[in-house]
Amino acid sequence: MVMVCAKCAKRQGVGAKAVRRGLKQGAKRLRGGGRLRVVEVGCLGLCPKRSLTLASGASLRDGRLLVFDPAAEPAAMLAALLPGRVADAP
């Protein structure tokens, strides 16, 4: 599961739904059709300038929130959010 801060997405003008779509498409390509749940959530408490805040279950377990450039590739975001669970692209 990946959580996208809706407030950060709105502030960057990308929209949480667009981020969700990109992550799901990237996961489909990288994981060979594996399912990924992407959830739009309220403020995660970390409000970076010109960036998006995302979290996964594993990152929250470790007490970490991840900050990404809105222009970052979904594959790079997924690799950081789900280390060891997303295989590298062929």
Protein backbone atom coordinates (compact mmCIF):
# COMPACT_ATOMS: atom_id res chain seq x y z
CA MET A 1 0.00 0.00 0.00
CA VAL A 2 1.23 3.47 -0.90
CA MET A 3 -0.21 6.64 0.63
CA VAL A 4 -0.13 9.94 -1.28
CA CYS A 5 -0.56 13.23 0.58
CA ALA A 6 -3.46 14.93 -1.22
CA LYS A 7 -2.46 18.34 0.14
CA CYS A 8 1.07 18.12 -1.34
CA ALA A 9 -0.27 16.86 -4.67
CA LYS A 10 -2.80 19.68 -4.88
CA ARG A 11 -0.20 22.28 -3.98
CA GLN A 12 2.10 21.01 -6.76
CA GLY A 13 -0.74 21.03 -9.26
CA VAL A 14 -0.38 17.37 -10.17
CA GLY A 15 -3.39 15.96 -8.37
CA ALA A 16 -3.28 12.86 -6.21
CA LYS A 17 -5.26 10.92 -8.81
CA ALA A 18 -2.57 11.56 -11.45
CA VAL A 19 0.13 10.39 -9.03
CA ARG A 20 -1.99 7.34 -8.21
CA ARG A 21 -2.44 6.51 -11.89
CA GLY A 22 1.31 6.84 -12.58
CA LEU A 23 2.28 4.64 -9.63
CA LYS A 24 -0.24 1.95 -10.55
CA GLN A 25 0.90 1.91 -14.18
CA GLY A 26 4.55 1.79 -13.09
CA ALA A 27 3.84 -1.09 -10.72
CA LYS A 28 2.03 -2.99 -13.45
CA ARG A 29 5.07 -2.66 -15.74
CA LEU A 30 7.66 -3.48 -13.06
CA ARG A 31 5.86 -6.21 -11.19
CA GLY A 32 4.28 -7.93 -14.16
CA GLY A 33 0.69 -7.15 -13.27
CA GLY A 34 1.03 -7.28 -9.49
CA ARG A 35 -1.57 -5.36 -7.56
CA LEU A 36 -0.73 -2.17 -5.73
CA ARG A 37 -3.12 -0.17 -3.60
CA VAL A 38 -2.53 3.58 -3.80
CA VAL A 39 -4.56 5.64 -1.33
CA GLU A 40 -5.05 9.40 -1.26
CA VAL A 41 -4.76 10.57 2.35
CA GLY A 42 -4.92 13.88 4.15
CA CYS A 43 -1.85 15.75 5.32
CA LEU A 44 0.95 13.42 6.44
CA GLY A 45 2.48 16.19 8.55
CA LEU A 46 5.57 16.82 6.44
CA CYS A 47 4.98 19.74 4.08
CA PRO A 48 7.98 20.18 1.76
CA LYS A 49 8.16 22.96 -0.79
CA ARG A 50 7.86 21.87 -4.43
CA SER A 51 7.71 18.16 -3.52
CA LEU A 52 5.30 15.32 -2.83
CA THR A 53 5.13 13.34 0.40
CA LEU A 54 4.41 9.63 0.07
CA ALA A 55 4.53 6.72 2.49
CA SER A 56 4.19 2.96 2.44
CA GLY A 57 3.40 0.55 5.23
CA ALA A 58 7.09 -0.35 5.49
CA SER A 59 8.23 3.27 5.61
CA LEU A 60 5.68 4.12 8.32
CA ARG A 61 6.80 1.09 10.32
CA ASP A 62 10.33 2.54 10.20
CA GLY A 63 9.02 6.02 11.07
CA ARG A 64 9.89 7.49 7.65
CA LEU A 65 8.01 9.61 5.14
CA LEU A 66 9.44 9.88 1.63
CA VAL A 67 9.67 13.13 -0.33
CA PHE A 68 9.77 13.11 -4.13
CA ASP A 69 10.03 15.61 -6.95
CA PRO A 70 6.65 15.65 -8.75
CA ALA A 71 8.47 15.03 -12.05
CA ALA A 72 10.16 11.85 -10.75
CA GLU A 73 9.59 8.62 -12.63
CA PRO A 74 7.04 6.29 -11.00
CA ALA A 75 9.59 3.45 -11.15
CA ALA A 76 12.03 5.46 -9.00
CA MET A 77 9.27 6.28 -6.51
CA LEU A 78 8.23 2.63 -6.28
CA ALA A 79 11.82 1.44 -5.80
CA ALA A 80 12.19 3.78 -2.81
CA LEU A 81 8.72 3.09 -1.40
CA LEU A 82 8.83 -0.70 -1.75
CA PRO A 83 12.50 -1.75 -1.47
CA GLY A 84 13.02 -5.39 -2.25
CA ARG A 85 9.45 -5.85 -3.47
CA VAL A 86 9.77 -4.16 -6.84
CA ALA A 87 12.09 -5.81 -9.34
CA ASP A 88 14.22 -3.62 -11.57
CA ALA A 89 12.87 -2.94 -15.03
CA PRO A 90 14.26 -5.28 -17.73
